[in-house]
Amino acid sequence: MLWLLLTAQAADAAPLVINGANAQHDLVCEAGQEVLVQGSRLRINLKGSCGKITVRGSNNRISVDGLSHAVIEGSANDLTYRRNLSDADTLPTRKIGTRNKIAHAQD
């Protein structure tokens, strides 16, 4: 089952919420929009400039153009990003669990 919550207002956009299992999705973040991924074996490609991305679950693979913060809770989750949109030199991250990876994609 997949639930998506999207709004048209970029600055005040409600979080993009993705729940489910065994699914693949290509989605677009509004500027600075937070993203919550909850599930297992999800394959998600996020275009645009996301805010904080939180991943909860296991065996999820997330690819994102840009984000400002990453949190991964669970096991064997992979998040790959192309642009760090935070004000920090390195992307602020937090990993809780085992075998979770956050990587900067080299263009």
N, C-alpha and C. Protein backbone atom coordinates (compact mmCIF):
# COMPACT_ATOMS: atom_id res chain seq x y z
N MET A 1 0.85 -1.17 0.00
CA MET A 1 0.00 0.00 0.00
C MET A 1 0.90 1.23 0.00
N LEU A 2 0.56 2.22 -0.79
CA LEU A 2 1.36 3.44 -0.89
C LEU A 2 0.47 4.64 -0.61
N TRP A 3 0.97 5.51 0.24
CA TRP A 3 0.26 6.75 0.55
C TRP A 3 1.18 7.90 0.20
N LEU A 4 0.68 8.86 -0.53
CA LEU A 4 1.46 10.04 -0.89
C LEU A 4 0.69 11.27 -0.45
N LEU A 5 1.43 12.22 0.12
CA LEU A 5 0.83 13.48 0.51
C LEU A 5 1.62 14.58 -0.17
N LEU A 6 0.99 15.30 -1.10
CA LEU A 6 1.66 16.35 -1.86
C LEU A 6 0.84 17.62 -1.80
N THR A 7 1.54 18.77 -1.80
CA THR A 7 0.85 20.04 -1.93
C THR A 7 1.57 20.89 -2.95
N ALA A 8 0.92 21.92 -3.43
CA ALA A 8 1.50 22.76 -4.47
C ALA A 8 2.35 23.90 -3.91
N GLN A 9 2.23 24.23 -2.65
CA GLN A 9 2.98 25.33 -2.06
C GLN A 9 4.38 24.88 -1.69
N ALA A 10 5.39 25.39 -2.40
CA ALA A 10 6.77 24.94 -2.19
C ALA A 10 7.27 25.26 -0.79
N ALA A 11 7.18 26.50 -0.34
CA ALA A 11 7.75 26.89 0.94
C ALA A 11 7.01 26.25 2.10
N ASP A 12 5.72 26.06 1.98
CA ASP A 12 4.91 25.52 3.06
C ASP A 12 4.42 24.11 2.75
N ALA A 13 5.12 23.41 1.88
CA ALA A 13 4.68 22.09 1.45
C ALA A 13 4.63 21.12 2.62
N ALA A 14 3.56 20.37 2.68
CA ALA A 14 3.45 19.31 3.67
C ALA A 14 4.47 18.24 3.32
N PRO A 15 4.89 17.46 4.30
CA PRO A 15 5.85 16.39 4.00
C PRO A 15 5.33 15.42 2.94
N LEU A 16 6.24 14.92 2.15
CA LEU A 16 5.94 13.87 1.20
C LEU A 16 6.11 12.56 1.96
N VAL A 17 5.04 11.81 2.13
CA VAL A 17 5.06 10.58 2.91
C VAL A 17 4.87 9.39 1.98
N ILE A 18 5.80 8.44 2.08
CA ILE A 18 5.78 7.25 1.22
C ILE A 18 5.80 6.02 2.12
N ASN A 19 4.75 5.25 2.11
CA ASN A 19 4.65 4.01 2.89
C ASN A 19 4.47 2.85 1.93
N GLY A 20 5.07 1.71 2.25
CA GLY A 20 4.81 0.56 1.41
C GLY A 20 5.91 -0.47 1.44
N ALA A 21 5.80 -1.41 0.53
CA ALA A 21 6.78 -2.48 0.40
C ALA A 21 6.82 -2.95 -1.05
N ASN A 22 8.01 -3.38 -1.45
CA ASN A 22 8.18 -3.98 -2.79
C ASN A 22 7.63 -3.11 -3.90
N ALA A 23 8.02 -1.82 -3.91
CA ALA A 23 7.51 -0.92 -4.93
C ALA A 23 8.63 0.00 -5.41
N GLN A 24 8.42 0.59 -6.59
CA GLN A 24 9.37 1.54 -7.15
C GLN A 24 8.61 2.80 -7.53
N HIS A 25 9.20 3.98 -7.19
CA HIS A 25 8.52 5.25 -7.45
C HIS A 25 9.51 6.31 -7.88
N ASP A 26 9.09 7.15 -8.82
CA ASP A 26 9.81 8.34 -9.24
C ASP A 26 8.94 9.52 -8.83
N LEU A 27 9.47 10.37 -7.93
CA LEU A 27 8.68 11.47 -7.38
C LEU A 27 9.48 12.76 -7.43
N VAL A 28 8.79 13.89 -7.23
CA VAL A 28 9.43 15.20 -7.24
C VAL A 28 9.18 15.90 -5.92
N CYS A 29 10.25 16.43 -5.32
CA CYS A 29 10.15 17.24 -4.11
C CYS A 29 9.91 18.70 -4.49
N GLU A 30 9.04 19.36 -3.77
CA GLU A 30 8.95 20.81 -3.87
C GLU A 30 10.17 21.37 -3.16
N ALA A 31 10.53 22.61 -3.39
CA ALA A 31 11.73 23.20 -2.79
C ALA A 31 11.71 23.10 -1.27
N GLY A 32 12.66 22.36 -0.71
CA GLY A 32 12.79 22.23 0.74
C GLY A 32 11.80 21.28 1.40
N GLN A 33 11.01 20.56 0.63
CA GLN A 33 9.99 19.67 1.18
C GLN A 33 10.62 18.50 1.91
N GLU A 34 10.14 18.22 3.12
CA GLU A 34 10.60 17.06 3.87
C GLU A 34 9.99 15.80 3.29
N VAL A 35 10.73 14.70 3.44
CA VAL A 35 10.28 13.41 2.91
C VAL A 35 10.39 12.37 4.02
N LEU A 36 9.35 11.55 4.17
CA LEU A 36 9.36 10.43 5.10
C LEU A 36 9.09 9.16 4.33
N VAL A 37 10.05 8.23 4.38
CA VAL A 37 9.91 6.93 3.72
C VAL A 37 9.79 5.88 4.82
N GLN A 38 8.73 5.09 4.78
CA GLN A 38 8.52 4.04 5.76
C GLN A 38 8.14 2.76 5.02
N GLY A 39 8.97 1.73 5.15
CA GLY A 39 8.62 0.49 4.49
C GLY A 39 9.82 -0.40 4.29
N SER A 40 9.67 -1.34 3.38
CA SER A 40 10.75 -2.27 3.09
C SER A 40 10.79 -2.56 1.59
N ARG A 41 12.01 -2.71 1.11
CA ARG A 41 12.27 -3.02 -0.29
C ARG A 41 11.63 -2.01 -1.24
N LEU A 42 11.68 -0.73 -0.86
CA LEU A 42 11.21 0.35 -1.73
C LEU A 42 12.38 0.86 -2.56
N ARG A 43 12.13 1.22 -3.80
CA ARG A 43 13.11 1.83 -4.68
C ARG A 43 12.53 3.19 -5.07
N ILE A 44 13.17 4.27 -4.58
CA ILE A 44 12.60 5.60 -4.77
C ILE A 44 13.64 6.52 -5.39
N ASN A 45 13.22 7.23 -6.43
CA ASN A 45 14.05 8.23 -7.09
C ASN A 45 13.36 9.58 -6.89
N LEU A 46 14.02 10.48 -6.15
CA LEU A 46 13.46 11.79 -5.85
C LEU A 46 14.19 12.86 -6.65
N LYS A 47 13.45 13.57 -7.47
CA LYS A 47 13.98 14.71 -8.23
C LYS A 47 13.70 15.98 -7.46
N GLY A 48 14.45 17.02 -7.77
CA GLY A 48 14.22 18.31 -7.14
C GLY A 48 15.07 18.51 -5.91
N SER A 49 14.73 19.56 -5.15
CA SER A 49 15.50 19.96 -3.97
C SER A 49 14.69 19.67 -2.72
N CYS A 50 14.97 18.53 -2.09
CA CYS A 50 14.26 18.12 -0.89
C CYS A 50 14.88 18.77 0.35
N GLY A 51 14.13 18.76 1.42
CA GLY A 51 14.66 19.18 2.72
C GLY A 51 15.22 17.95 3.42
N LYS A 52 14.79 17.74 4.64
CA LYS A 52 15.21 16.57 5.42
C LYS A 52 14.52 15.32 4.88
N ILE A 53 15.30 14.25 4.74
CA ILE A 53 14.75 12.96 4.33
C ILE A 53 14.95 11.99 5.48
N THR A 54 13.86 11.36 5.92
CA THR A 54 13.91 10.34 6.97
C THR A 54 13.48 9.03 6.36
N VAL A 55 14.29 7.99 6.57
CA VAL A 55 14.00 6.65 6.07
C VAL A 55 13.86 5.73 7.27
N ARG A 56 12.74 5.02 7.35
CA ARG A 56 12.50 4.05 8.42
C ARG A 56 12.12 2.73 7.78
N GLY A 57 12.84 1.68 8.11
CA GLY A 57 12.51 0.37 7.55
C GLY A 57 13.75 -0.40 7.20
N SER A 58 13.61 -1.26 6.20
CA SER A 58 14.74 -2.11 5.82
C SER A 58 14.79 -2.33 4.31
N ASN A 59 16.02 -2.45 3.84
CA ASN A 59 16.28 -2.78 2.43
C ASN A 59 15.68 -1.79 1.44
N ASN A 60 15.66 -0.51 1.81
CA ASN A 60 15.16 0.54 0.92
C ASN A 60 16.34 1.15 0.17
N ARG A 61 16.11 1.58 -1.07
CA ARG A 61 17.12 2.23 -1.90
C ARG A 61 16.54 3.56 -2.36
N ILE A 62 17.15 4.65 -1.89
CA ILE A 62 16.65 5.99 -2.23
C ILE A 62 17.75 6.76 -2.94
N SER A 63 17.39 7.37 -4.06
CA SER A 63 18.28 8.24 -4.81
C SER A 63 17.63 9.61 -4.84
N VAL A 64 18.40 10.66 -4.53
CA VAL A 64 17.83 12.00 -4.45
C VAL A 64 18.76 13.02 -5.11
N ASP A 65 18.17 13.98 -5.83
CA ASP A 65 18.96 15.04 -6.45
C ASP A 65 19.65 15.89 -5.38
N GLY A 66 18.85 16.47 -4.47
CA GLY A 66 19.40 17.33 -3.44
C GLY A 66 18.61 17.23 -2.15
N LEU A 67 19.30 17.37 -1.01
CA LEU A 67 18.64 17.32 0.29
C LEU A 67 19.46 18.12 1.29
N SER A 68 18.82 18.46 2.42
CA SER A 68 19.49 19.26 3.43
C SER A 68 19.89 18.47 4.67
N HIS A 69 19.34 17.28 4.86
CA HIS A 69 19.60 16.48 6.06
C HIS A 69 19.10 15.06 5.79
N ALA A 70 19.78 14.06 6.33
CA ALA A 70 19.34 12.67 6.14
C ALA A 70 19.34 11.93 7.47
N VAL A 71 18.26 11.20 7.72
CA VAL A 71 18.13 10.34 8.90
C VAL A 71 17.70 8.97 8.41
N ILE A 72 18.44 7.93 8.82
CA ILE A 72 18.07 6.56 8.46
C ILE A 72 17.95 5.74 9.73
N GLU A 73 16.80 5.08 9.88
CA GLU A 73 16.52 4.23 11.03
C GLU A 73 16.09 2.87 10.51
N GLY A 74 16.82 1.82 10.87
CA GLY A 74 16.46 0.49 10.40
C GLY A 74 17.69 -0.29 10.02
N SER A 75 17.55 -1.12 8.99
CA SER A 75 18.69 -1.93 8.57
C SER A 75 18.76 -2.05 7.05
N ALA A 76 20.00 -2.05 6.57
CA ALA A 76 20.31 -2.27 5.15
C ALA A 76 19.59 -1.29 4.22
N ASN A 77 19.55 -0.03 4.61
CA ASN A 77 18.99 1.02 3.76
C ASN A 77 20.13 1.77 3.09
N ASP A 78 19.94 2.17 1.83
CA ASP A 78 20.94 2.94 1.10
C ASP A 78 20.31 4.23 0.59
N LEU A 79 20.95 5.35 0.88
CA LEU A 79 20.52 6.63 0.38
C LEU A 79 21.69 7.26 -0.37
N THR A 80 21.47 7.62 -1.63
CA THR A 80 22.49 8.27 -2.44
C THR A 80 21.97 9.63 -2.85
N TYR A 81 22.80 10.67 -2.67
CA TYR A 81 22.39 12.02 -3.03
C TYR A 81 23.42 12.67 -3.95
N ARG A 82 22.96 13.63 -4.76
CA ARG A 82 23.85 14.34 -5.67
C ARG A 82 24.30 15.69 -5.13
N ARG A 83 23.40 16.41 -4.41
CA ARG A 83 23.76 17.74 -3.91
C ARG A 83 23.42 17.89 -2.44
N ASN A 84 24.38 18.46 -1.68
CA ASN A 84 24.17 18.80 -0.27
C ASN A 84 23.59 20.21 -0.24
N LEU A 85 22.35 20.35 0.19
CA LEU A 85 21.68 21.65 0.22
C LEU A 85 21.72 22.30 1.60
N SER A 86 22.44 21.70 2.54
CA SER A 86 22.56 22.29 3.87
C SER A 86 23.58 23.42 3.82
N ASP A 87 23.66 24.18 4.89
CA ASP A 87 24.66 25.24 5.00
C ASP A 87 26.00 24.70 5.45
N ALA A 88 26.05 23.42 5.80
CA ALA A 88 27.28 22.80 6.30
C ALA A 88 28.13 22.27 5.14
N ASP A 89 29.43 22.14 5.39
CA ASP A 89 30.33 21.60 4.37
C ASP A 89 30.01 20.14 4.05
N THR A 90 29.60 19.39 5.07
CA THR A 90 29.19 18.00 4.87
C THR A 90 27.72 17.87 5.25
N LEU A 91 27.04 16.98 4.57
CA LEU A 91 25.62 16.77 4.81
C LEU A 91 25.37 16.30 6.24
N PRO A 92 24.48 16.97 7.00
CA PRO A 92 24.13 16.48 8.33
C PRO A 92 23.39 15.15 8.21
N THR A 93 23.88 14.13 8.91
CA THR A 93 23.26 12.81 8.84
C THR A 93 23.14 12.18 10.22
N ARG A 94 22.22 11.21 10.32
CA ARG A 94 22.10 10.39 11.52
C ARG A 94 21.67 9.01 11.06
N LYS A 95 22.39 7.98 11.51
CA LYS A 95 22.06 6.60 11.17
C LYS A 95 21.85 5.82 12.46
N ILE A 96 20.71 5.14 12.53
CA ILE A 96 20.39 4.29 13.67
C ILE A 96 20.07 2.91 13.11
N GLY A 97 20.78 1.90 13.57
CA GLY A 97 20.55 0.56 13.07
C GLY A 97 21.82 -0.01 12.45
N THR A 98 21.65 -1.02 11.64
CA THR A 98 22.80 -1.70 11.06
C THR A 98 22.79 -1.64 9.54
N ARG A 99 23.97 -1.62 8.96
CA ARG A 99 24.18 -1.67 7.51
C ARG A 99 23.44 -0.58 6.74
N ASN A 100 23.27 0.58 7.35
CA ASN A 100 22.66 1.73 6.65
C ASN A 100 23.78 2.55 6.03
N LYS A 101 23.57 3.03 4.79
CA LYS A 101 24.58 3.79 4.09
C LYS A 101 24.01 5.09 3.53
N ILE A 102 24.80 6.14 3.64
CA ILE A 102 24.49 7.41 3.01
C ILE A 102 25.70 7.79 2.19
N ALA A 103 25.51 8.00 0.89
CA ALA A 103 26.64 8.26 0.01
C ALA A 103 26.37 9.42 -0.92
N HIS A 104 27.43 10.19 -1.19
CA HIS A 104 27.36 11.28 -2.15
C HIS A 104 27.73 10.72 -3.52
N ALA A 105 26.84 10.85 -4.47
CA ALA A 105 27.09 10.34 -5.83
C ALA A 105 28.06 11.27 -6.54
N GLN A 106 29.02 10.70 -7.18
CA GLN A 106 29.99 11.47 -7.95
C GLN A 106 29.51 11.57 -9.38
N ASP A 107 29.34 12.79 -9.86
CA ASP A 107 28.86 12.99 -11.24
C ASP A 107 29.96 12.78 -12.24
